[in-house]
Amino acid sequence: MPSVFTPLVRALKLVVGQSEYLDYMDSFRYALSGEVALRSDAAMGLRVASDWGLEVGMLSEFFRNYALSRIAQVDIARVYDHKHRDFDPAIKDEGLGRMASDIAKSLFRKLATRGVVFTHETFRTLKATYYRIALDHIEQYRADALFNGLDINRDEEEKTVETLADVVISAGAHYLEKPQESPFIPSWQRVKSAIPDVFEHLLDAVEQDLAEGKDG
């Protein structure tokens, strides 16, 4: 979702100030690709978000737990084939609007853990800043499209940005209402602490499934 993530991160830099964390998040060419590789020991302690803030949450966890020299960005495919979600400006809490809201709230929560204080005034300023930066991005995308002989619907793109700007401020209001909300599923370390033989149970379930498959 380049129309929300990158403009929002860069707007946050202007509104809350420069930070190593925001510079890190802004360094990824495609932060929301949904594709990642990691060591099994890193996966054990990883807290995974249960909403659309999944990629933001994972990148943030890596930033918190590991030196930047251990995190790398690579191109593993020429084309990313995503199942795109519908976007209806009249329905902001579903589809693309819901995704944008979860991504925004995930960024707000991560910044709060780093000492950033948010207020209603902060989010009003953030909305205006995001809107201006997103419009600048549309101009850049338009130039890229023209250079490559592609069509771009400027009206539809700007309508999307207008709606997403509203989503940003509504996500901020939701965050202020429920700042302690934490949509994370337990890490494997926590699960193993609660159920010491959980991996044995999983292995038994896999072996049973394979056996039933052969019998079928």
N, C-alpha and C. Protein backbone atom coordinates (compact mmCIF):
# COMPACT_ATOMS: atom_id res chain seq x y z
N MET A 1 0.83 -1.20 0.00
CA MET A 1 0.00 0.00 0.00
C MET A 1 0.87 1.25 0.00
N PRO A 2 1.57 1.52 -1.12
CA PRO A 2 2.45 2.70 -1.17
C PRO A 2 1.71 4.00 -0.97
N SER A 3 0.38 4.02 -1.26
CA SER A 3 -0.37 5.26 -1.13
C SER A 3 -0.63 5.64 0.32
N VAL A 4 -0.38 4.73 1.26
CA VAL A 4 -0.55 5.07 2.66
C VAL A 4 0.74 4.92 3.46
N PHE A 5 1.48 3.84 3.26
CA PHE A 5 2.61 3.56 4.15
C PHE A 5 3.73 4.59 4.03
N THR A 6 4.30 4.74 2.85
CA THR A 6 5.45 5.64 2.70
C THR A 6 5.08 7.10 2.97
N PRO A 7 3.98 7.63 2.41
CA PRO A 7 3.62 9.01 2.77
C PRO A 7 3.36 9.19 4.26
N LEU A 8 2.77 8.16 4.91
CA LEU A 8 2.48 8.27 6.34
C LEU A 8 3.77 8.28 7.16
N VAL A 9 4.70 7.40 6.82
CA VAL A 9 5.97 7.37 7.54
C VAL A 9 6.70 8.70 7.39
N ARG A 10 6.71 9.25 6.19
CA ARG A 10 7.41 10.52 5.96
C ARG A 10 6.67 11.69 6.61
N ALA A 11 5.35 11.60 6.69
CA ALA A 11 4.59 12.63 7.41
C ALA A 11 4.90 12.56 8.90
N LEU A 12 5.01 11.35 9.43
CA LEU A 12 5.35 11.18 10.85
C LEU A 12 6.71 11.78 11.17
N LYS A 13 7.64 11.66 10.24
CA LYS A 13 8.96 12.26 10.44
C LYS A 13 8.86 13.77 10.65
N LEU A 14 7.98 14.39 9.88
CA LEU A 14 7.82 15.84 9.98
C LEU A 14 7.05 16.25 11.25
N VAL A 15 6.07 15.44 11.62
CA VAL A 15 5.18 15.81 12.72
C VAL A 15 5.78 15.47 14.09
N VAL A 16 6.33 14.25 14.22
CA VAL A 16 6.86 13.85 15.54
C VAL A 16 8.38 14.00 15.61
N GLY A 17 9.02 14.26 14.48
CA GLY A 17 10.47 14.45 14.47
C GLY A 17 11.21 13.23 13.94
N GLN A 18 12.40 13.46 13.48
CA GLN A 18 13.23 12.39 12.95
C GLN A 18 13.52 11.36 14.04
N SER A 19 13.59 10.11 13.62
CA SER A 19 13.95 9.05 14.57
C SER A 19 14.61 7.92 13.79
N GLU A 20 15.46 7.18 14.47
CA GLU A 20 16.12 6.05 13.83
C GLU A 20 15.10 5.01 13.38
N TYR A 21 14.04 4.86 14.18
CA TYR A 21 13.01 3.88 13.83
C TYR A 21 12.30 4.26 12.53
N LEU A 22 11.88 5.52 12.39
CA LEU A 22 11.20 5.95 11.18
C LEU A 22 12.12 5.91 9.97
N ASP A 23 13.39 6.26 10.16
CA ASP A 23 14.36 6.14 9.06
C ASP A 23 14.47 4.69 8.60
N TYR A 24 14.47 3.78 9.56
CA TYR A 24 14.54 2.35 9.27
C TYR A 24 13.31 1.90 8.48
N MET A 25 12.11 2.28 8.93
CA MET A 25 10.89 1.88 8.24
C MET A 25 10.82 2.49 6.85
N ASP A 26 11.36 3.68 6.69
CA ASP A 26 11.34 4.36 5.40
C ASP A 26 12.37 3.81 4.43
N SER A 27 13.29 3.00 4.92
CA SER A 27 14.38 2.50 4.08
C SER A 27 13.96 1.35 3.18
N PHE A 28 12.81 0.73 3.47
CA PHE A 28 12.39 -0.43 2.69
C PHE A 28 11.64 0.00 1.44
N ARG A 29 12.02 -0.58 0.32
CA ARG A 29 11.37 -0.24 -0.94
C ARG A 29 9.94 -0.76 -0.99
N TYR A 30 9.70 -1.91 -0.36
CA TYR A 30 8.37 -2.50 -0.39
C TYR A 30 8.14 -3.16 0.97
N ALA A 31 7.91 -2.32 1.97
CA ALA A 31 7.81 -2.81 3.34
C ALA A 31 6.62 -3.74 3.56
N LEU A 32 5.60 -3.64 2.73
CA LEU A 32 4.38 -4.42 2.93
C LEU A 32 4.26 -5.57 1.93
N SER A 33 5.38 -6.08 1.47
CA SER A 33 5.35 -7.15 0.47
C SER A 33 4.77 -8.44 1.03
N GLY A 34 4.85 -8.62 2.35
CA GLY A 34 4.33 -9.85 2.96
C GLY A 34 5.26 -11.04 2.81
N GLU A 35 6.48 -10.82 2.36
CA GLU A 35 7.43 -11.90 2.17
C GLU A 35 8.66 -11.65 3.04
N VAL A 36 9.04 -12.65 3.82
CA VAL A 36 10.14 -12.49 4.75
C VAL A 36 10.79 -13.85 5.00
N ALA A 37 12.08 -13.84 5.26
CA ALA A 37 12.81 -15.04 5.64
C ALA A 37 13.56 -14.75 6.93
N LEU A 38 13.54 -15.69 7.86
CA LEU A 38 14.22 -15.48 9.14
C LEU A 38 14.64 -16.81 9.73
N ARG A 39 15.58 -16.74 10.66
CA ARG A 39 16.07 -17.93 11.34
C ARG A 39 15.01 -18.43 12.32
N SER A 40 15.03 -19.75 12.57
CA SER A 40 14.03 -20.33 13.46
C SER A 40 14.15 -19.79 14.88
N ASP A 41 15.39 -19.47 15.33
CA ASP A 41 15.53 -18.93 16.68
C ASP A 41 14.94 -17.53 16.77
N ALA A 42 14.97 -16.78 15.66
CA ALA A 42 14.34 -15.46 15.66
C ALA A 42 12.83 -15.59 15.66
N ALA A 43 12.32 -16.61 14.97
CA ALA A 43 10.88 -16.81 14.91
C ALA A 43 10.31 -17.17 16.28
N MET A 44 11.10 -17.83 17.10
CA MET A 44 10.61 -18.26 18.42
C MET A 44 10.16 -17.08 19.28
N GLY A 45 10.89 -15.99 19.24
CA GLY A 45 10.58 -14.86 20.11
C GLY A 45 9.79 -13.77 19.42
N LEU A 46 9.38 -14.01 18.18
CA LEU A 46 8.70 -12.98 17.39
C LEU A 46 7.22 -12.89 17.76
N ARG A 47 6.78 -11.68 18.10
CA ARG A 47 5.35 -11.43 18.31
C ARG A 47 4.74 -11.02 16.97
N VAL A 48 3.69 -11.71 16.56
CA VAL A 48 3.09 -11.47 15.25
C VAL A 48 1.72 -10.82 15.43
N ALA A 49 1.51 -9.73 14.71
CA ALA A 49 0.22 -9.04 14.79
C ALA A 49 -0.87 -9.88 14.15
N SER A 50 -2.06 -9.80 14.71
CA SER A 50 -3.19 -10.57 14.19
C SER A 50 -4.07 -9.75 13.26
N ASP A 51 -3.65 -8.52 12.93
CA ASP A 51 -4.42 -7.69 12.00
C ASP A 51 -3.55 -7.33 10.80
N TRP A 52 -3.98 -6.32 10.03
CA TRP A 52 -3.23 -5.95 8.82
C TRP A 52 -1.95 -5.18 9.12
N GLY A 53 -1.65 -4.98 10.39
CA GLY A 53 -0.36 -4.38 10.75
C GLY A 53 0.74 -5.41 10.84
N LEU A 54 0.53 -6.56 10.22
CA LEU A 54 1.46 -7.69 10.31
C LEU A 54 2.88 -7.31 9.91
N GLU A 55 3.05 -6.75 8.69
CA GLU A 55 4.40 -6.44 8.22
C GLU A 55 5.06 -5.35 9.04
N VAL A 56 4.29 -4.31 9.39
CA VAL A 56 4.84 -3.24 10.22
C VAL A 56 5.29 -3.81 11.56
N GLY A 57 4.47 -4.68 12.14
CA GLY A 57 4.81 -5.29 13.42
C GLY A 57 6.06 -6.13 13.35
N MET A 58 6.20 -6.94 12.29
CA MET A 58 7.37 -7.80 12.16
C MET A 58 8.64 -6.97 11.97
N LEU A 59 8.59 -5.98 11.08
CA LEU A 59 9.76 -5.13 10.87
C LEU A 59 10.14 -4.40 12.15
N SER A 60 9.13 -3.99 12.91
CA SER A 60 9.39 -3.29 14.17
C SER A 60 10.02 -4.21 15.20
N GLU A 61 9.57 -5.46 15.24
CA GLU A 61 10.15 -6.43 16.17
C GLU A 61 11.61 -6.70 15.83
N PHE A 62 11.91 -6.80 14.54
CA PHE A 62 13.31 -7.01 14.14
C PHE A 62 14.16 -5.81 14.54
N PHE A 63 13.61 -4.62 14.36
CA PHE A 63 14.34 -3.40 14.72
C PHE A 63 14.62 -3.36 16.21
N ARG A 64 13.66 -3.81 17.01
CA ARG A 64 13.81 -3.76 18.47
C ARG A 64 14.78 -4.82 18.98
N ASN A 65 14.82 -5.98 18.32
CA ASN A 65 15.55 -7.12 18.87
C ASN A 65 16.92 -7.37 18.25
N TYR A 66 17.20 -6.78 17.09
CA TYR A 66 18.44 -7.12 16.39
C TYR A 66 19.17 -5.87 15.90
N ALA A 67 20.46 -6.01 15.75
CA ALA A 67 21.27 -4.93 15.17
C ALA A 67 20.89 -4.78 13.70
N LEU A 68 20.95 -3.55 13.20
CA LEU A 68 20.58 -3.31 11.81
C LEU A 68 21.45 -4.09 10.84
N SER A 69 22.67 -4.41 11.25
CA SER A 69 23.57 -5.17 10.38
C SER A 69 23.08 -6.60 10.15
N ARG A 70 22.10 -7.05 10.95
CA ARG A 70 21.57 -8.40 10.79
C ARG A 70 20.27 -8.42 9.99
N ILE A 71 19.86 -7.25 9.51
CA ILE A 71 18.62 -7.15 8.75
C ILE A 71 18.96 -6.71 7.34
N ALA A 72 18.49 -7.45 6.35
CA ALA A 72 18.82 -7.14 4.96
C ALA A 72 17.56 -7.11 4.10
N GLN A 73 17.59 -6.30 3.07
CA GLN A 73 16.51 -6.19 2.10
C GLN A 73 17.01 -6.71 0.76
N VAL A 74 16.29 -7.65 0.18
CA VAL A 74 16.72 -8.25 -1.08
C VAL A 74 15.55 -8.31 -2.06
N ASP A 75 15.86 -8.36 -3.34
CA ASP A 75 14.84 -8.55 -4.37
C ASP A 75 14.75 -10.04 -4.67
N ILE A 76 13.59 -10.64 -4.38
CA ILE A 76 13.45 -12.08 -4.62
C ILE A 76 12.51 -12.37 -5.79
N ALA A 77 11.93 -11.33 -6.36
CA ALA A 77 11.02 -11.53 -7.49
C ALA A 77 10.93 -10.24 -8.29
N ARG A 78 10.68 -10.37 -9.59
CA ARG A 78 10.54 -9.19 -10.43
C ARG A 78 9.15 -8.59 -10.30
N VAL A 79 8.17 -9.45 -10.00
CA VAL A 79 6.78 -9.00 -9.90
C VAL A 79 6.16 -9.60 -8.64
N TYR A 80 5.46 -8.77 -7.87
CA TYR A 80 4.72 -9.24 -6.71
C TYR A 80 3.26 -9.41 -7.12
N ASP A 81 2.75 -10.63 -6.95
CA ASP A 81 1.37 -10.93 -7.33
C ASP A 81 0.51 -10.95 -6.08
N HIS A 82 -0.20 -9.85 -5.83
CA HIS A 82 -1.02 -9.74 -4.63
C HIS A 82 -2.50 -9.89 -4.97
N LYS A 83 -3.23 -10.40 -4.00
CA LYS A 83 -4.69 -10.45 -4.13
C LYS A 83 -5.22 -9.11 -3.61
N HIS A 84 -5.42 -8.19 -4.51
CA HIS A 84 -5.81 -6.83 -4.13
C HIS A 84 -7.22 -6.81 -3.53
N ARG A 85 -7.40 -5.95 -2.55
CA ARG A 85 -8.69 -5.81 -1.91
C ARG A 85 -9.43 -4.60 -2.49
N ASP A 86 -10.75 -4.74 -2.54
CA ASP A 86 -11.56 -3.65 -3.09
C ASP A 86 -11.48 -2.42 -2.18
N PHE A 87 -11.67 -1.27 -2.80
CA PHE A 87 -11.66 -0.03 -2.03
C PHE A 87 -12.87 0.80 -2.40
N ASP A 88 -13.73 1.00 -1.42
CA ASP A 88 -14.92 1.82 -1.60
C ASP A 88 -14.80 3.01 -0.65
N PRO A 89 -14.62 4.24 -1.19
CA PRO A 89 -14.46 5.41 -0.32
C PRO A 89 -15.61 5.60 0.65
N ALA A 90 -16.78 5.05 0.34
CA ALA A 90 -17.94 5.20 1.22
C ALA A 90 -17.90 4.23 2.40
N ILE A 91 -17.04 3.22 2.30
CA ILE A 91 -16.93 2.22 3.38
C ILE A 91 -15.48 2.18 3.82
N LYS A 92 -15.15 2.95 4.85
CA LYS A 92 -13.76 3.13 5.24
C LYS A 92 -13.25 2.07 6.22
N ASP A 93 -14.18 1.27 6.79
CA ASP A 93 -13.77 0.30 7.79
C ASP A 93 -13.71 -1.12 7.24
N GLU A 94 -13.69 -1.25 5.91
CA GLU A 94 -13.56 -2.56 5.28
C GLU A 94 -12.53 -2.47 4.16
N GLY A 95 -12.11 -3.63 3.66
CA GLY A 95 -11.20 -3.68 2.53
C GLY A 95 -9.93 -2.87 2.75
N LEU A 96 -9.59 -2.06 1.75
CA LEU A 96 -8.36 -1.27 1.79
C LEU A 96 -8.37 -0.27 2.94
N GLY A 97 -9.54 0.28 3.25
CA GLY A 97 -9.63 1.21 4.37
C GLY A 97 -9.27 0.56 5.69
N ARG A 98 -9.73 -0.67 5.91
CA ARG A 98 -9.41 -1.40 7.14
C ARG A 98 -7.91 -1.69 7.20
N MET A 99 -7.33 -2.08 6.08
CA MET A 99 -5.90 -2.35 6.04
C MET A 99 -5.10 -1.10 6.40
N ALA A 100 -5.48 0.03 5.78
CA ALA A 100 -4.76 1.28 6.05
C ALA A 100 -4.86 1.68 7.51
N SER A 101 -6.04 1.49 8.10
CA SER A 101 -6.24 1.83 9.50
C SER A 101 -5.36 0.99 10.41
N ASP A 102 -5.31 -0.32 10.16
CA ASP A 102 -4.48 -1.21 10.98
C ASP A 102 -3.00 -0.87 10.86
N ILE A 103 -2.57 -0.54 9.65
CA ILE A 103 -1.16 -0.17 9.42
C ILE A 103 -0.83 1.11 10.18
N ALA A 104 -1.72 2.10 10.10
CA ALA A 104 -1.48 3.37 10.79
C ALA A 104 -1.42 3.17 12.30
N LYS A 105 -2.38 2.41 12.85
CA LYS A 105 -2.40 2.18 14.30
C LYS A 105 -1.16 1.42 14.76
N SER A 106 -0.68 0.51 13.93
CA SER A 106 0.54 -0.22 14.28
C SER A 106 1.73 0.73 14.39
N LEU A 107 1.84 1.67 13.46
CA LEU A 107 2.92 2.66 13.52
C LEU A 107 2.77 3.55 14.76
N PHE A 108 1.55 3.95 15.06
CA PHE A 108 1.33 4.80 16.24
C PHE A 108 1.75 4.07 17.52
N ARG A 109 1.36 2.80 17.63
CA ARG A 109 1.70 2.04 18.83
C ARG A 109 3.22 1.87 18.97
N LYS A 110 3.89 1.59 17.87
CA LYS A 110 5.35 1.41 17.93
C LYS A 110 6.04 2.70 18.33
N LEU A 111 5.58 3.82 17.81
CA LEU A 111 6.19 5.10 18.18
C LEU A 111 5.91 5.43 19.64
N ALA A 112 4.73 5.07 20.13
CA ALA A 112 4.40 5.32 21.52
C ALA A 112 5.35 4.57 22.45
N THR A 113 5.73 3.34 22.07
CA THR A 113 6.67 2.58 22.90
C THR A 113 8.06 3.22 22.92
N ARG A 114 8.29 4.12 21.97
CA ARG A 114 9.58 4.81 21.92
C ARG A 114 9.48 6.22 22.51
N GLY A 115 8.38 6.48 23.23
CA GLY A 115 8.26 7.74 23.96
C GLY A 115 7.51 8.85 23.27
N VAL A 116 6.96 8.59 22.07
CA VAL A 116 6.22 9.63 21.35
C VAL A 116 4.83 9.78 21.98
N VAL A 117 4.43 11.00 22.26
CA VAL A 117 3.12 11.29 22.84
C VAL A 117 2.21 11.83 21.75
N PHE A 118 1.05 11.19 21.58
CA PHE A 118 0.09 11.61 20.56
C PHE A 118 -1.10 12.30 21.20
N THR A 119 -1.63 13.30 20.51
CA THR A 119 -2.84 13.99 20.93
C THR A 119 -3.75 14.15 19.72
N HIS A 120 -4.97 14.63 19.95
CA HIS A 120 -5.87 14.88 18.83
C HIS A 120 -5.26 15.92 17.89
N GLU A 121 -4.57 16.91 18.45
CA GLU A 121 -3.93 17.93 17.60
C GLU A 121 -2.83 17.31 16.74
N THR A 122 -2.11 16.34 17.31
CA THR A 122 -1.07 15.66 16.54
C THR A 122 -1.66 15.01 15.30
N PHE A 123 -2.78 14.33 15.49
CA PHE A 123 -3.36 13.60 14.37
C PHE A 123 -4.00 14.52 13.35
N ARG A 124 -4.52 15.66 13.78
CA ARG A 124 -5.04 16.63 12.81
C ARG A 124 -3.90 17.16 11.93
N THR A 125 -2.77 17.45 12.55
CA THR A 125 -1.60 17.91 11.79
C THR A 125 -1.09 16.80 10.88
N LEU A 126 -1.08 15.56 11.41
CA LEU A 126 -0.60 14.42 10.64
C LEU A 126 -1.46 14.20 9.40
N LYS A 127 -2.77 14.35 9.54
CA LYS A 127 -3.67 14.17 8.40
C LYS A 127 -3.31 15.14 7.28
N ALA A 128 -3.14 16.42 7.62
CA ALA A 128 -2.82 17.42 6.60
C ALA A 128 -1.46 17.16 5.96
N THR A 129 -0.49 16.76 6.80
CA THR A 129 0.86 16.50 6.28
C THR A 129 0.87 15.28 5.38
N TYR A 130 0.19 14.22 5.82
CA TYR A 130 0.08 13.01 4.99
C TYR A 130 -0.55 13.34 3.64
N TYR A 131 -1.63 14.12 3.66
CA TYR A 131 -2.36 14.43 2.43
C TYR A 131 -1.46 15.14 1.43
N ARG A 132 -0.67 16.11 1.90
CA ARG A 132 0.20 16.86 1.00
C ARG A 132 1.29 15.95 0.42
N ILE A 133 1.88 15.12 1.26
CA ILE A 133 2.95 14.23 0.79
C ILE A 133 2.40 13.19 -0.19
N ALA A 134 1.21 12.65 0.11
CA ALA A 134 0.61 11.65 -0.76
C ALA A 134 0.30 12.23 -2.14
N LEU A 135 -0.16 13.48 -2.18
CA LEU A 135 -0.42 14.13 -3.46
C LEU A 135 0.88 14.30 -4.25
N ASP A 136 1.95 14.64 -3.56
CA ASP A 136 3.25 14.75 -4.23
C ASP A 136 3.67 13.41 -4.82
N HIS A 137 3.36 12.32 -4.11
CA HIS A 137 3.70 10.98 -4.61
C HIS A 137 2.90 10.66 -5.87
N ILE A 138 1.63 11.08 -5.89
CA ILE A 138 0.82 10.84 -7.08
C ILE A 138 1.44 11.52 -8.29
N GLU A 139 1.95 12.73 -8.10
CA GLU A 139 2.60 13.44 -9.20
C GLU A 139 3.83 12.67 -9.68
N GLN A 140 4.56 12.10 -8.74
CA GLN A 140 5.73 11.30 -9.11
C GLN A 140 5.30 10.04 -9.87
N TYR A 141 4.25 9.36 -9.38
CA TYR A 141 3.76 8.16 -10.05
C TYR A 141 3.26 8.49 -11.45
N ARG A 142 2.63 9.65 -11.59
CA ARG A 142 2.13 10.07 -12.90
C ARG A 142 3.28 10.26 -13.88
N ALA A 143 4.35 10.89 -13.41
CA ALA A 143 5.52 11.08 -14.28
C ALA A 143 6.13 9.73 -14.68
N ASP A 144 6.23 8.81 -13.71
CA ASP A 144 6.77 7.48 -14.01
C ASP A 144 5.88 6.75 -15.01
N ALA A 145 4.55 6.87 -14.84
CA ALA A 145 3.62 6.20 -15.74
C ALA A 145 3.75 6.75 -17.16
N LEU A 146 3.81 8.08 -17.29
CA LEU A 146 3.94 8.69 -18.62
C LEU A 146 5.25 8.27 -19.28
N PHE A 147 6.31 8.22 -18.52
CA PHE A 147 7.62 7.82 -19.06
C PHE A 147 7.58 6.40 -19.60
N ASN A 148 6.79 5.54 -18.94
CA ASN A 148 6.72 4.13 -19.34
C ASN A 148 5.51 3.81 -20.22
N GLY A 149 4.82 4.85 -20.69
CA GLY A 149 3.71 4.63 -21.60
C GLY A 149 2.49 4.00 -20.94
N LEU A 150 2.30 4.26 -19.65
CA LEU A 150 1.17 3.68 -18.91
C LEU A 150 0.14 4.75 -18.58
N ASP A 151 -1.09 4.30 -18.37
CA ASP A 151 -2.16 5.23 -18.02
C ASP A 151 -2.29 5.30 -16.50
N ILE A 152 -2.69 6.44 -15.99
CA ILE A 152 -2.96 6.61 -14.57
C ILE A 152 -4.18 7.51 -14.43
N ASN A 153 -5.13 7.08 -13.61
CA ASN A 153 -6.35 7.86 -13.38
C ASN A 153 -6.09 8.80 -12.22
N ARG A 154 -5.74 10.04 -12.55
CA ARG A 154 -5.37 11.01 -11.52
C ARG A 154 -6.54 11.27 -10.57
N ASP A 155 -7.75 11.34 -11.11
CA ASP A 155 -8.92 11.61 -10.27
C ASP A 155 -9.13 10.50 -9.24
N GLU A 156 -9.06 9.25 -9.69
CA GLU A 156 -9.26 8.12 -8.76
C GLU A 156 -8.17 8.07 -7.71
N GLU A 157 -6.93 8.34 -8.12
CA GLU A 157 -5.83 8.32 -7.16
C GLU A 157 -6.01 9.39 -6.09
N GLU A 158 -6.44 10.58 -6.50
CA GLU A 158 -6.61 11.66 -5.51
C GLU A 158 -7.82 11.40 -4.62
N LYS A 159 -8.87 10.78 -5.15
CA LYS A 159 -10.00 10.39 -4.32
C LYS A 159 -9.57 9.39 -3.26
N THR A 160 -8.71 8.47 -3.66
CA THR A 160 -8.20 7.47 -2.71
C THR A 160 -7.42 8.13 -1.59
N VAL A 161 -6.55 9.07 -1.96
CA VAL A 161 -5.75 9.77 -0.96
C VAL A 161 -6.64 10.57 -0.01
N GLU A 162 -7.67 11.22 -0.54
CA GLU A 162 -8.59 11.98 0.31
C GLU A 162 -9.24 11.07 1.35
N THR A 163 -9.64 9.88 0.91
CA THR A 163 -10.27 8.93 1.83
C THR A 163 -9.27 8.40 2.84
N LEU A 164 -8.06 8.09 2.39
CA LEU A 164 -7.05 7.56 3.29
C LEU A 164 -6.62 8.60 4.32
N ALA A 165 -6.66 9.87 3.96
CA ALA A 165 -6.36 10.92 4.93
C ALA A 165 -7.38 10.89 6.07
N ASP A 166 -8.65 10.64 5.72
CA ASP A 166 -9.67 10.51 6.76
C ASP A 166 -9.43 9.25 7.60
N VAL A 167 -8.97 8.18 6.94
CA VAL A 167 -8.68 6.94 7.67
C VAL A 167 -7.56 7.17 8.68
N VAL A 168 -6.55 7.95 8.30
CA VAL A 168 -5.42 8.23 9.19
C VAL A 168 -5.90 8.89 10.47
N ILE A 169 -6.76 9.90 10.35
CA ILE A 169 -7.20 10.61 11.55
C ILE A 169 -8.17 9.76 12.37
N SER A 170 -8.98 8.92 11.71
CA SER A 170 -9.88 8.04 12.46
C SER A 170 -9.09 6.94 13.16
N ALA A 171 -8.00 6.48 12.55
CA ALA A 171 -7.13 5.51 13.20
C ALA A 171 -6.47 6.13 14.42
N GLY A 172 -6.11 7.40 14.31
CA GLY A 172 -5.54 8.11 15.46
C GLY A 172 -6.53 8.23 16.60
N ALA A 173 -7.79 8.53 16.26
CA ALA A 173 -8.83 8.65 17.29
C ALA A 173 -9.05 7.31 17.98
N HIS A 174 -9.02 6.23 17.20
CA HIS A 174 -9.17 4.89 17.78
C HIS A 174 -8.00 4.56 18.70
N TYR A 175 -6.80 4.94 18.27
CA TYR A 175 -5.63 4.69 19.11
C TYR A 175 -5.74 5.44 20.44
N LEU A 176 -6.16 6.71 20.40
CA LEU A 176 -6.28 7.49 21.63
C LEU A 176 -7.35 6.90 22.55
N GLU A 177 -8.38 6.31 21.96
CA GLU A 177 -9.45 5.71 22.75
C GLU A 177 -9.01 4.40 23.39
N LYS A 178 -8.20 3.63 22.66
CA LYS A 178 -7.75 2.33 23.17
C LYS A 178 -6.23 2.20 23.00
N PRO A 179 -5.46 2.98 23.73
CA PRO A 179 -3.99 2.97 23.56
C PRO A 179 -3.33 1.67 23.99
N GLN A 180 -4.00 0.90 24.84
CA GLN A 180 -3.41 -0.35 25.33
C GLN A 180 -3.75 -1.54 24.45
N GLU A 181 -4.55 -1.32 23.42
CA GLU A 181 -4.92 -2.42 22.54
C GLU A 181 -3.68 -3.02 21.89
N SER A 182 -3.55 -4.33 21.97
CA SER A 182 -2.35 -5.00 21.45
C SER A 182 -2.78 -6.24 20.67
N PRO A 183 -2.97 -6.11 19.36
CA PRO A 183 -3.48 -7.23 18.56
C PRO A 183 -2.40 -8.24 18.17
N PHE A 184 -1.62 -8.69 19.16
CA PHE A 184 -0.56 -9.66 18.88
C PHE A 184 -0.97 -11.04 19.36
N ILE A 185 -0.60 -12.07 18.59
CA ILE A 185 -0.77 -13.43 19.07
C ILE A 185 0.49 -13.78 19.87
N PRO A 186 0.39 -14.69 20.84
CA PRO A 186 1.56 -15.01 21.68
C PRO A 186 2.73 -15.55 20.86
N SER A 187 3.94 -15.21 21.26
CA SER A 187 5.13 -15.76 20.59
C SER A 187 5.25 -17.24 20.92
N TRP A 188 6.04 -17.95 20.11
CA TRP A 188 6.25 -19.38 20.38
C TRP A 188 6.95 -19.59 21.71
N GLN A 189 7.79 -18.65 22.13
CA GLN A 189 8.42 -18.76 23.43
C GLN A 189 7.38 -18.77 24.54
N ARG A 190 6.38 -17.91 24.44
CA ARG A 190 5.34 -17.85 25.46
C ARG A 190 4.47 -19.11 25.41
N VAL A 191 4.15 -19.57 24.19
CA VAL A 191 3.34 -20.78 24.06
C VAL A 191 4.06 -21.97 24.68
N LYS A 192 5.36 -22.08 24.40
CA LYS A 192 6.14 -23.20 24.94
C LYS A 192 6.22 -23.12 26.46
N SER A 193 6.26 -21.90 26.98
CA SER A 193 6.28 -21.73 28.44
C SER A 193 4.98 -22.21 29.06
N ALA A 194 3.86 -21.95 28.38
CA ALA A 194 2.57 -22.38 28.90
C ALA A 194 2.29 -23.85 28.63
N ILE A 195 2.77 -24.34 27.48
CA ILE A 195 2.56 -25.75 27.10
C ILE A 195 3.91 -26.33 26.70
N PRO A 196 4.70 -26.82 27.66
CA PRO A 196 6.08 -27.27 27.38
C PRO A 196 6.21 -28.28 26.25
N ASP A 197 5.20 -29.15 26.07
CA ASP A 197 5.32 -30.18 25.03
C ASP A 197 4.52 -29.83 23.78
N VAL A 198 4.32 -28.51 23.52
CA VAL A 198 3.50 -28.10 22.38
C VAL A 198 4.05 -28.60 21.05
N PHE A 199 5.37 -28.62 20.89
CA PHE A 199 5.94 -29.05 19.61
C PHE A 199 5.76 -30.54 19.39
N GLU A 200 5.77 -31.31 20.48
CA GLU A 200 5.49 -32.74 20.36
C GLU A 200 4.06 -32.96 19.90
N HIS A 201 3.13 -32.16 20.45
CA HIS A 201 1.73 -32.26 20.02
C HIS A 201 1.59 -31.89 18.54
N LEU A 202 2.29 -30.86 18.12
CA LEU A 202 2.22 -30.45 16.71
C LEU A 202 2.78 -31.54 15.80
N LEU A 203 3.90 -32.14 16.20
CA LEU A 203 4.51 -33.20 15.40
C LEU A 203 3.57 -34.40 15.31
N ASP A 204 2.93 -34.75 16.43
CA ASP A 204 1.99 -35.87 16.42
C ASP A 204 0.82 -35.57 15.48
N ALA A 205 0.35 -34.31 15.49
CA ALA A 205 -0.78 -33.94 14.63
C ALA A 205 -0.40 -34.03 13.16
N VAL A 206 0.83 -33.61 12.83
CA VAL A 206 1.30 -33.69 11.44
C VAL A 206 1.42 -35.14 11.00
N GLU A 207 2.02 -35.96 11.85
CA GLU A 207 2.19 -37.37 11.50
C GLU A 207 0.85 -38.08 11.35
N GLN A 208 -0.11 -37.73 12.21
CA GLN A 208 -1.44 -38.31 12.10
C GLN A 208 -2.12 -37.87 10.82
N ASP A 209 -1.95 -36.61 10.46
CA ASP A 209 -2.55 -36.10 9.23
C ASP A 209 -1.96 -36.79 8.00
N LEU A 210 -0.63 -36.99 8.02
CA LEU A 210 0.03 -37.67 6.91
C LEU A 210 -0.44 -39.11 6.78
N ALA A 211 -0.58 -39.77 7.93
CA ALA A 211 -1.04 -41.15 7.93
C ALA A 211 -2.45 -41.27 7.39
N GLU A 212 -3.32 -40.34 7.79
CA GLU A 212 -4.70 -40.36 7.30
C GLU A 212 -4.76 -40.08 5.81
N GLY A 213 -3.81 -39.22 5.34
CA GLY A 213 -3.76 -38.92 3.93
C GLY A 213 -3.36 -40.13 3.10
N LYS A 214 -2.41 -40.91 3.63
CA LYS A 214 -2.00 -42.13 2.91
C LYS A 214 -3.12 -43.16 2.89
N ASP A 215 -3.82 -43.27 4.01
CA ASP A 215 -4.92 -44.23 4.08
C ASP A 215 -6.06 -43.86 3.14
N GLY A 216 -6.23 -42.51 2.97
CA GLY A 216 -7.31 -42.04 2.09
C GLY A 216 -6.98 -42.29 0.64
